[in-house]
Amino acid sequence: MISTALALQEATQEAVHDEMVMAMASELYQNRDTDSESFAKMLYRYSALLASMTTTLVVNAVLTESDLHDLLNTINEMDSMGKDIENGND
């Protein structure tokens, strides 16, 4: 349990300090005086990148390759079942 918590902490720290994330944070800071709409768009992109990077690294830290494969298969099965239900195919 402690090793999992440490892996999550390390993955989060790695995401925050990722070169691409840091470059976007720098750009956001340098352009903080732009109009509200542009700043909001830049902030949204930064947040999405950081969240995506964190999620990717956390999944890699917590799941084995086999676990990840099983998860993706389950997601695909659920997606297929959802499409069948939407199309009226029971």
PDB file of N, CA and C in Angstrom:
ATOM      1  N   MET A   1       0.823  -1.190   0.000  1.00  0.00           N
ATOM      2  CA  MET A   1       0.000   0.000   0.000  1.00  0.00           C
ATOM      3  C   MET A   1       0.870   1.258   0.000  1.00  0.00           C
ATOM      4  N   ILE A   2       1.920   1.242   0.814  1.00  0.00           N
ATOM      5  CA  ILE A   2       2.825   2.386   0.846  1.00  0.00           C
ATOM      6  C   ILE A   2       3.563   2.511  -0.474  1.00  0.00           C
ATOM      7  N   SER A   3       3.942   1.389  -1.061  1.00  0.00           N
ATOM      8  CA  SER A   3       4.645   1.452  -2.339  1.00  0.00           C
ATOM      9  C   SER A   3       3.743   2.011  -3.432  1.00  0.00           C
ATOM     10  N   THR A   4       2.459   1.694  -3.385  1.00  0.00           N
ATOM     11  CA  THR A   4       1.510   2.248  -4.355  1.00  0.00           C
ATOM     12  C   THR A   4       1.368   3.752  -4.164  1.00  0.00           C
ATOM     13  N   ALA A   5       1.263   4.189  -2.925  1.00  0.00           N
ATOM     14  CA  ALA A   5       1.152   5.625  -2.644  1.00  0.00           C
ATOM     15  C   ALA A   5       2.392   6.362  -3.120  1.00  0.00           C
ATOM     16  N   LEU A   6       3.552   5.767  -2.891  1.00  0.00           N
ATOM     17  CA  LEU A   6       4.791   6.395  -3.349  1.00  0.00           C
ATOM     18  C   LEU A   6       4.868   6.429  -4.879  1.00  0.00           C
ATOM     19  N   ALA A   7       4.402   5.373  -5.513  1.00  0.00           N
ATOM     20  CA  ALA A   7       4.386   5.344  -6.980  1.00  0.00           C
ATOM     21  C   ALA A   7       3.442   6.409  -7.535  1.00  0.00           C
ATOM     22  N   LEU A   8       2.296   6.599  -6.875  1.00  0.00           N
ATOM     23  CA  LEU A   8       1.354   7.640  -7.298  1.00  0.00           C
ATOM     24  C   LEU A   8       1.965   9.028  -7.110  1.00  0.00           C
ATOM     25  N   GLN A   9       2.618   9.223  -5.989  1.00  0.00           N
ATOM     26  CA  GLN A   9       3.254  10.510  -5.727  1.00  0.00           C
ATOM     27  C   GLN A   9       4.350  10.796  -6.757  1.00  0.00           C
ATOM     28  N   GLU A  10       5.154   9.797  -7.053  1.00  0.00           N
ATOM     29  CA  GLU A  10       6.225   9.962  -8.032  1.00  0.00           C
ATOM     30  C   GLU A  10       5.665  10.239  -9.430  1.00  0.00           C
ATOM     31  N   ALA A  11       4.607   9.533  -9.799  1.00  0.00           N
ATOM     32  CA  ALA A  11       3.992   9.740 -11.113  1.00  0.00           C
ATOM     33  C   ALA A  11       3.432  11.156 -11.227  1.00  0.00           C
ATOM     34  N   THR A  12       2.792  11.631 -10.175  1.00  0.00           N
ATOM     35  CA  THR A  12       2.242  12.982 -10.184  1.00  0.00           C
ATOM     36  C   THR A  12       3.351  14.015 -10.275  1.00  0.00           C
ATOM     37  N   GLN A  13       4.400  13.820  -9.511  1.00  0.00           N
ATOM     38  CA  GLN A  13       5.531  14.743  -9.539  1.00  0.00           C
ATOM     39  C   GLN A  13       6.184  14.745 -10.923  1.00  0.00           C
ATOM     40  N   GLU A  14       6.330  13.585 -11.510  1.00  0.00           N
ATOM     41  CA  GLU A  14       6.916  13.478 -12.840  1.00  0.00           C
ATOM     42  C   GLU A  14       6.062  14.210 -13.877  1.00  0.00           C
ATOM     43  N   ALA A  15       4.756  14.098 -13.753  1.00  0.00           N
ATOM     44  CA  ALA A  15       3.861  14.783 -14.686  1.00  0.00           C
ATOM     45  C   ALA A  15       3.990  16.297 -14.559  1.00  0.00           C
ATOM     46  N   VAL A  16       4.015  16.786 -13.330  1.00  0.00           N
ATOM     47  CA  VAL A  16       4.110  18.235 -13.102  1.00  0.00           C
ATOM     48  C   VAL A  16       5.425  18.781 -13.638  1.00  0.00           C
ATOM     49  N   HIS A  17       6.494  17.994 -13.537  1.00  0.00           N
ATOM     50  CA  HIS A  17       7.813  18.458 -13.958  1.00  0.00           C
ATOM     51  C   HIS A  17       8.180  18.024 -15.374  1.00  0.00           C
ATOM     52  N   ASP A  18       7.242  17.455 -16.096  1.00  0.00           N
ATOM     53  CA  ASP A  18       7.476  17.055 -17.478  1.00  0.00           C
ATOM     54  C   ASP A  18       7.871  18.283 -18.312  1.00  0.00           C
ATOM     55  N   GLU A  19       8.782  18.088 -19.220  1.00  0.00           N
ATOM     56  CA  GLU A  19       9.298  19.190 -20.043  1.00  0.00           C
ATOM     57  C   GLU A  19       8.192  19.913 -20.818  1.00  0.00           C
ATOM     58  N   MET A  20       7.297  19.159 -21.410  1.00  0.00           N
ATOM     59  CA  MET A  20       6.216  19.763 -22.192  1.00  0.00           C
ATOM     60  C   MET A  20       5.244  20.528 -21.285  1.00  0.00           C
ATOM     61  N   VAL A  21       4.931  19.963 -20.119  1.00  0.00           N
ATOM     62  CA  VAL A  21       4.028  20.611 -19.174  1.00  0.00           C
ATOM     63  C   VAL A  21       4.660  21.903 -18.653  1.00  0.00           C
ATOM     64  N   MET A  22       5.941  21.832 -18.335  1.00  0.00           N
ATOM     65  CA  MET A  22       6.640  23.019 -17.840  1.00  0.00           C
ATOM     66  C   MET A  22       6.714  24.109 -18.908  1.00  0.00           C
ATOM     67  N   ALA A  23       6.932  23.730 -20.155  1.00  0.00           N
ATOM     68  CA  ALA A  23       6.981  24.705 -21.243  1.00  0.00           C
ATOM     69  C   ALA A  23       5.629  25.396 -21.402  1.00  0.00           C
ATOM     70  N   MET A  24       4.560  24.616 -21.281  1.00  0.00           N
ATOM     71  CA  MET A  24       3.231  25.209 -21.403  1.00  0.00           C
ATOM     72  C   MET A  24       2.932  26.113 -20.211  1.00  0.00           C
ATOM     73  N   ALA A  25       3.362  25.736 -19.016  1.00  0.00           N
ATOM     74  CA  ALA A  25       3.172  26.582 -17.832  1.00  0.00           C
ATOM     75  C   ALA A  25       3.931  27.894 -17.992  1.00  0.00           C
ATOM     76  N   SER A  26       5.115  27.815 -18.541  1.00  0.00           N
ATOM     77  CA  SER A  26       5.914  29.020 -18.783  1.00  0.00           C
ATOM     78  C   SER A  26       5.221  29.938 -19.781  1.00  0.00           C
ATOM     79  N   GLU A  27       4.706  29.353 -20.852  1.00  0.00           N
ATOM     80  CA  GLU A  27       3.980  30.134 -21.857  1.00  0.00           C
ATOM     81  C   GLU A  27       2.742  30.778 -21.241  1.00  0.00           C
ATOM     82  N   LEU A  28       2.064  30.043 -20.407  1.00  0.00           N
ATOM     83  CA  LEU A  28       0.874  30.563 -19.731  1.00  0.00           C
ATOM     84  C   LEU A  28       1.244  31.753 -18.851  1.00  0.00           C
ATOM     85  N   TYR A  29       2.330  31.632 -18.121  1.00  0.00           N
ATOM     86  CA  TYR A  29       2.779  32.721 -17.249  1.00  0.00           C
ATOM     87  C   TYR A  29       3.195  33.942 -18.065  1.00  0.00           C
ATOM     88  N   GLN A  30       3.924  33.716 -19.140  1.00  0.00           N
ATOM     89  CA  GLN A  30       4.400  34.825 -19.968  1.00  0.00           C
ATOM     90  C   GLN A  30       3.258  35.556 -20.672  1.00  0.00           C
ATOM     91  N   ASN A  31       2.153  34.877 -20.915  1.00  0.00           N
ATOM     92  CA  ASN A  31       1.019  35.473 -21.617  1.00  0.00           C
ATOM     93  C   ASN A  31      -0.161  35.746 -20.686  1.00  0.00           C
ATOM     94  N   ARG A  32       0.129  35.916 -19.413  1.00  0.00           N
ATOM     95  CA  ARG A  32      -0.941  36.101 -18.425  1.00  0.00           C
ATOM     96  C   ARG A  32      -1.706  37.407 -18.614  1.00  0.00           C
ATOM     97  N   ASP A  33      -1.144  38.354 -19.361  1.00  0.00           N
ATOM     98  CA  ASP A  33      -1.798  39.648 -19.572  1.00  0.00           C
ATOM     99  C   ASP A  33      -2.630  39.696 -20.852  1.00  0.00           C
ATOM    100  N   THR A  34      -2.828  38.554 -21.509  1.00  0.00           N
ATOM    101  CA  THR A  34      -3.634  38.530 -22.720  1.00  0.00           C
ATOM    102  C   THR A  34      -5.115  38.639 -22.358  1.00  0.00           C
ATOM    103  N   ASP A  35      -5.953  38.752 -23.368  1.00  0.00           N
ATOM    104  CA  ASP A  35      -7.392  38.872 -23.101  1.00  0.00           C
ATOM    105  C   ASP A  35      -7.905  37.607 -22.415  1.00  0.00           C
ATOM    106  N   SER A  36      -9.007  37.757 -21.729  1.00  0.00           N
ATOM    107  CA  SER A  36      -9.560  36.685 -20.893  1.00  0.00           C
ATOM    108  C   SER A  36      -9.860  35.415 -21.678  1.00  0.00           C
ATOM    109  N   GLU A  37     -10.399  35.550 -22.864  1.00  0.00           N
ATOM    110  CA  GLU A  37     -10.762  34.378 -23.651  1.00  0.00           C
ATOM    111  C   GLU A  37      -9.525  33.578 -24.058  1.00  0.00           C
ATOM    112  N   SER A  38      -8.491  34.259 -24.521  1.00  0.00           N
ATOM    113  CA  SER A  38      -7.253  33.571 -24.908  1.00  0.00           C
ATOM    114  C   SER A  38      -6.587  32.920 -23.708  1.00  0.00           C
ATOM    115  N   PHE A  39      -6.572  33.627 -22.585  1.00  0.00           N
ATOM    116  CA  PHE A  39      -5.966  33.080 -21.379  1.00  0.00           C
ATOM    117  C   PHE A  39      -6.736  31.852 -20.907  1.00  0.00           C
ATOM    118  N   ALA A  40      -8.049  31.908 -20.963  1.00  0.00           N
ATOM    119  CA  ALA A  40      -8.877  30.767 -20.551  1.00  0.00           C
ATOM    120  C   ALA A  40      -8.602  29.557 -21.430  1.00  0.00           C
ATOM    121  N   LYS A  41      -8.447  29.762 -22.734  1.00  0.00           N
ATOM    122  CA  LYS A  41      -8.149  28.658 -23.646  1.00  0.00           C
ATOM    123  C   LYS A  41      -6.785  28.047 -23.335  1.00  0.00           C
ATOM    124  N   MET A  42      -5.793  28.916 -23.078  1.00  0.00           N
ATOM    125  CA  MET A  42      -4.463  28.426 -22.743  1.00  0.00           C
ATOM    126  C   MET A  42      -4.483  27.665 -21.424  1.00  0.00           C
ATOM    127  N   LEU A  43      -5.223  28.164 -20.456  1.00  0.00           N
ATOM    128  CA  LEU A  43      -5.330  27.503 -19.158  1.00  0.00           C
ATOM    129  C   LEU A  43      -6.015  26.143 -19.299  1.00  0.00           C
ATOM    130  N   TYR A  44      -7.032  26.079 -20.137  1.00  0.00           N
ATOM    131  CA  TYR A  44      -7.733  24.817 -20.389  1.00  0.00           C
ATOM    132  C   TYR A  44      -6.781  23.796 -21.012  1.00  0.00           C
ATOM    133  N   ARG A  45      -6.007  24.216 -22.015  1.00  0.00           N
ATOM    134  CA  ARG A  45      -5.066  23.305 -22.667  1.00  0.00           C
ATOM    135  C   ARG A  45      -4.005  22.816 -21.679  1.00  0.00           C
ATOM    136  N   TYR A  46      -3.518  23.725 -20.848  1.00  0.00           N
ATOM    137  CA  TYR A  46      -2.533  23.348 -19.835  1.00  0.00           C
ATOM    138  C   TYR A  46      -3.129  22.320 -18.864  1.00  0.00           C
ATOM    139  N   SER A  47      -4.330  22.590 -18.384  1.00  0.00           N
ATOM    140  CA  SER A  47      -4.989  21.682 -17.441  1.00  0.00           C
ATOM    141  C   SER A  47      -5.221  20.310 -18.064  1.00  0.00           C
ATOM    142  N   ALA A  48      -5.664  20.298 -19.314  1.00  0.00           N
ATOM    143  CA  ALA A  48      -5.914  19.033 -20.004  1.00  0.00           C
ATOM    144  C   ALA A  48      -4.614  18.249 -20.186  1.00  0.00           C
ATOM    145  N   LEU A  49      -3.543  18.943 -20.550  1.00  0.00           N
ATOM    146  CA  LEU A  49      -2.256  18.271 -20.726  1.00  0.00           C
ATOM    147  C   LEU A  49      -1.762  17.691 -19.408  1.00  0.00           C
ATOM    148  N   LEU A  50      -1.831  18.484 -18.350  1.00  0.00           N
ATOM    149  CA  LEU A  50      -1.371  18.021 -17.046  1.00  0.00           C
ATOM    150  C   LEU A  50      -2.204  16.829 -16.550  1.00  0.00           C
ATOM    151  N   ALA A  51      -3.509  16.906 -16.709  1.00  0.00           N
ATOM    152  CA  ALA A  51      -4.383  15.805 -16.281  1.00  0.00           C
ATOM    153  C   ALA A  51      -4.095  14.540 -17.090  1.00  0.00           C
ATOM    154  N   SER A  52      -3.928  14.696 -18.384  1.00  0.00           N
ATOM    155  CA  SER A  52      -3.648  13.555 -19.249  1.00  0.00           C
ATOM    156  C   SER A  52      -2.309  12.917 -18.905  1.00  0.00           C
ATOM    157  N   MET A  53      -1.302  13.752 -18.721  1.00  0.00           N
ATOM    158  CA  MET A  53       0.023  13.243 -18.377  1.00  0.00           C
ATOM    159  C   MET A  53      -0.014  12.525 -17.021  1.00  0.00           C
ATOM    160  N   THR A  54      -0.683  13.123 -16.058  1.00  0.00           N
ATOM    161  CA  THR A  54      -0.781  12.510 -14.725  1.00  0.00           C
ATOM    162  C   THR A  54      -1.493  11.169 -14.800  1.00  0.00           C
ATOM    163  N   THR A  55      -2.602  11.123 -15.512  1.00  0.00           N
ATOM    164  CA  THR A  55      -3.364   9.877 -15.644  1.00  0.00           C
ATOM    165  C   THR A  55      -2.528   8.787 -16.299  1.00  0.00           C
ATOM    166  N   THR A  56      -1.841   9.127 -17.358  1.00  0.00           N
ATOM    167  CA  THR A  56      -1.002   8.151 -18.054  1.00  0.00           C
ATOM    168  C   THR A  56       0.074   7.590 -17.136  1.00  0.00           C
ATOM    169  N   LEU A  57       0.756   8.475 -16.427  1.00  0.00           N
ATOM    170  CA  LEU A  57       1.832   8.024 -15.555  1.00  0.00           C
ATOM    171  C   LEU A  57       1.308   7.240 -14.352  1.00  0.00           C
ATOM    172  N   VAL A  58       0.159   7.634 -13.823  1.00  0.00           N
ATOM    173  CA  VAL A  58      -0.430   6.908 -12.696  1.00  0.00           C
ATOM    174  C   VAL A  58      -0.862   5.507 -13.132  1.00  0.00           C
ATOM    175  N   VAL A  59      -1.495   5.410 -14.281  1.00  0.00           N
ATOM    176  CA  VAL A  59      -1.911   4.093 -14.793  1.00  0.00           C
ATOM    177  C   VAL A  59      -0.691   3.205 -14.980  1.00  0.00           C
ATOM    178  N   ASN A  60       0.377   3.766 -15.544  1.00  0.00           N
ATOM    179  CA  ASN A  60       1.593   2.975 -15.743  1.00  0.00           C
ATOM    180  C   ASN A  60       2.234   2.567 -14.419  1.00  0.00           C
ATOM    181  N   ALA A  61       2.087   3.398 -13.395  1.00  0.00           N
ATOM    182  CA  ALA A  61       2.673   3.093 -12.091  1.00  0.00           C
ATOM    183  C   ALA A  61       1.873   2.038 -11.333  1.00  0.00           C
ATOM    184  N   VAL A  62       0.575   2.009 -11.542  1.00  0.00           N
ATOM    185  CA  VAL A  62      -0.300   1.154 -10.737  1.00  0.00           C
ATOM    186  C   VAL A  62      -0.641  -0.166 -11.433  1.00  0.00           C
ATOM    187  N   LEU A  63      -0.812  -0.139 -12.737  1.00  0.00           N
ATOM    188  CA  LEU A  63      -1.239  -1.347 -13.448  1.00  0.00           C
ATOM    189  C   LEU A  63      -0.071  -2.025 -14.154  1.00  0.00           C
ATOM    190  N   THR A  64      -0.085  -3.335 -14.134  1.00  0.00           N
ATOM    191  CA  THR A  64       0.881  -4.091 -14.927  1.00  0.00           C
ATOM    192  C   THR A  64       0.416  -4.069 -16.376  1.00  0.00           C
ATOM    193  N   GLU A  65       1.264  -4.516 -17.267  1.00  0.00           N
ATOM    194  CA  GLU A  65       0.889  -4.559 -18.678  1.00  0.00           C
ATOM    195  C   GLU A  65      -0.326  -5.459 -18.891  1.00  0.00           C
ATOM    196  N   SER A  66      -0.381  -6.553 -18.170  1.00  0.00           N
ATOM    197  CA  SER A  66      -1.504  -7.474 -18.258  1.00  0.00           C
ATOM    198  C   SER A  66      -2.788  -6.818 -17.739  1.00  0.00           C
ATOM    199  N   ASP A  67      -2.674  -6.107 -16.603  1.00  0.00           N
ATOM    200  CA  ASP A  67      -3.833  -5.396 -16.055  1.00  0.00           C
ATOM    201  C   ASP A  67      -4.352  -4.357 -17.048  1.00  0.00           C
ATOM    202  N   LEU A  68      -3.430  -3.632 -17.662  1.00  0.00           N
ATOM    203  CA  LEU A  68      -3.812  -2.600 -18.625  1.00  0.00           C
ATOM    204  C   LEU A  68      -4.503  -3.219 -19.835  1.00  0.00           C
ATOM    205  N   HIS A  69      -3.992  -4.345 -20.294  1.00  0.00           N
ATOM    206  CA  HIS A  69      -4.603  -5.055 -21.421  1.00  0.00           C
ATOM    207  C   HIS A  69      -6.026  -5.493 -21.069  1.00  0.00           C
ATOM    208  N   ASP A  70      -6.192  -6.045 -19.873  1.00  0.00           N
ATOM    209  CA  ASP A  70      -7.525  -6.467 -19.414  1.00  0.00           C
ATOM    210  C   ASP A  70      -8.475  -5.273 -19.311  1.00  0.00           C
ATOM    211  N   LEU A  71      -7.970  -4.154 -18.793  1.00  0.00           N
ATOM    212  CA  LEU A  71      -8.785  -2.951 -18.670  1.00  0.00           C
ATOM    213  C   LEU A  71      -9.254  -2.461 -20.037  1.00  0.00           C
ATOM    214  N   LEU A  72      -8.345  -2.415 -20.993  1.00  0.00           N
ATOM    215  CA  LEU A  72      -8.710  -1.973 -22.339  1.00  0.00           C
ATOM    216  C   LEU A  72      -9.716  -2.917 -22.989  1.00  0.00           C
ATOM    217  N   ASN A  73      -9.548  -4.219 -22.777  1.00  0.00           N
ATOM    218  CA  ASN A  73     -10.526  -5.179 -23.311  1.00  0.00           C
ATOM    219  C   ASN A  73     -11.908  -4.961 -22.693  1.00  0.00           C
ATOM    220  N   THR A  74     -11.942  -4.710 -21.397  1.00  0.00           N
ATOM    221  CA  THR A  74     -13.214  -4.460 -20.713  1.00  0.00           C
ATOM    222  C   THR A  74     -13.863  -3.186 -21.236  1.00  0.00           C
ATOM    223  N   ILE A  75     -13.068  -2.144 -21.425  1.00  0.00           N
ATOM    224  CA  ILE A  75     -13.596  -0.883 -21.971  1.00  0.00           C
ATOM    225  C   ILE A  75     -14.173  -1.117 -23.362  1.00  0.00           C
ATOM    226  N   ASN A  76     -13.458  -1.866 -24.192  1.00  0.00           N
ATOM    227  CA  ASN A  76     -13.953  -2.155 -25.543  1.00  0.00           C
ATOM    228  C   ASN A  76     -15.242  -2.967 -25.512  1.00  0.00           C
ATOM    229  N   GLU A  77     -15.324  -3.938 -24.595  1.00  0.00           N
ATOM    230  CA  GLU A  77     -16.543  -4.739 -24.464  1.00  0.00           C
ATOM    231  C   GLU A  77     -17.729  -3.867 -24.032  1.00  0.00           C
ATOM    232  N   MET A  78     -17.501  -2.987 -23.065  1.00  0.00           N
ATOM    233  CA  MET A  78     -18.563  -2.095 -22.584  1.00  0.00           C
ATOM    234  C   MET A  78     -18.995  -1.142 -23.693  1.00  0.00           C
ATOM    235  N   ASP A  79     -18.036  -0.638 -24.457  1.00  0.00           N
ATOM    236  CA  ASP A  79     -18.356   0.249 -25.568  1.00  0.00           C
ATOM    237  C   ASP A  79     -19.198  -0.479 -26.610  1.00  0.00           C
ATOM    238  N   SER A  80     -18.831  -1.707 -26.909  1.00  0.00           N
ATOM    239  CA  SER A  80     -19.578  -2.516 -27.868  1.00  0.00           C
ATOM    240  C   SER A  80     -20.996  -2.793 -27.372  1.00  0.00           C
ATOM    241  N   MET A  81     -21.128  -3.119 -26.086  1.00  0.00           N
ATOM    242  CA  MET A  81     -22.455  -3.361 -25.513  1.00  0.00           C
ATOM    243  C   MET A  81     -23.298  -2.088 -25.568  1.00  0.00           C
ATOM    244  N   GLY A  82     -22.700  -0.957 -25.286  1.00  0.00           N
ATOM    245  CA  GLY A  82     -23.419   0.314 -25.342  1.00  0.00           C
ATOM    246  C   GLY A  82     -23.933   0.606 -26.739  1.00  0.00           C
ATOM    247  N   LYS A  83     -23.088   0.341 -27.742  1.00  0.00           N
ATOM    248  CA  LYS A  83     -23.492   0.564 -29.137  1.00  0.00           C
ATOM    249  C   LYS A  83     -24.625  -0.380 -29.526  1.00  0.00           C
ATOM    250  N   ASP A  84     -24.542  -1.635 -29.063  1.00  0.00           N
ATOM    251  CA  ASP A  84     -25.610  -2.598 -29.347  1.00  0.00           C
ATOM    252  C   ASP A  84     -26.936  -2.129 -28.740  1.00  0.00           C
ATOM    253  N   ILE A  85     -26.886  -1.633 -27.524  1.00  0.00           N
ATOM    254  CA  ILE A  85     -28.095  -1.147 -26.865  1.00  0.00           C
ATOM    255  C   ILE A  85     -28.661   0.063 -27.576  1.00  0.00           C
ATOM    256  N   GLU A  86     -27.780   0.988 -28.000  1.00  0.00           N
ATOM    257  CA  GLU A  86     -28.238   2.173 -28.727  1.00  0.00           C
ATOM    258  C   GLU A  86     -28.901   1.799 -30.039  1.00  0.00           C
ATOM    259  N   ASN A  87     -28.388   0.743 -30.674  1.00  0.00           N
ATOM    260  CA  ASN A  87     -28.924   0.326 -31.961  1.00  0.00           C
ATOM    261  C   ASN A  87     -30.100  -0.639 -31.836  1.00  0.00           C
ATOM    262  N   GLY A  88     -30.480  -0.975 -30.608  1.00  0.00           N
ATOM    263  CA  GLY A  88     -31.617  -1.852 -30.386  1.00  0.00           C
ATOM    264  C   GLY A  88     -31.293  -3.319 -30.537  1.00  0.00           C
ATOM    265  N   ASN A  89     -30.029  -3.675 -30.563  1.00  0.00           N
ATOM    266  CA  ASN A  89     -29.619  -5.081 -30.683  1.00  0.00           C
ATOM    267  C   ASN A  89     -29.339  -5.618 -29.287  1.00  0.00           C
ATOM    268  N   ASP A  90     -30.215  -6.470 -28.792  1.00  0.00           N
ATOM    269  CA  ASP A  90     -30.023  -7.014 -27.442  1.00  0.00           C
ATOM    270  C   ASP A  90     -29.115  -8.166 -27.466  1.00  0.00           C
TER     271      ASP A  90
END
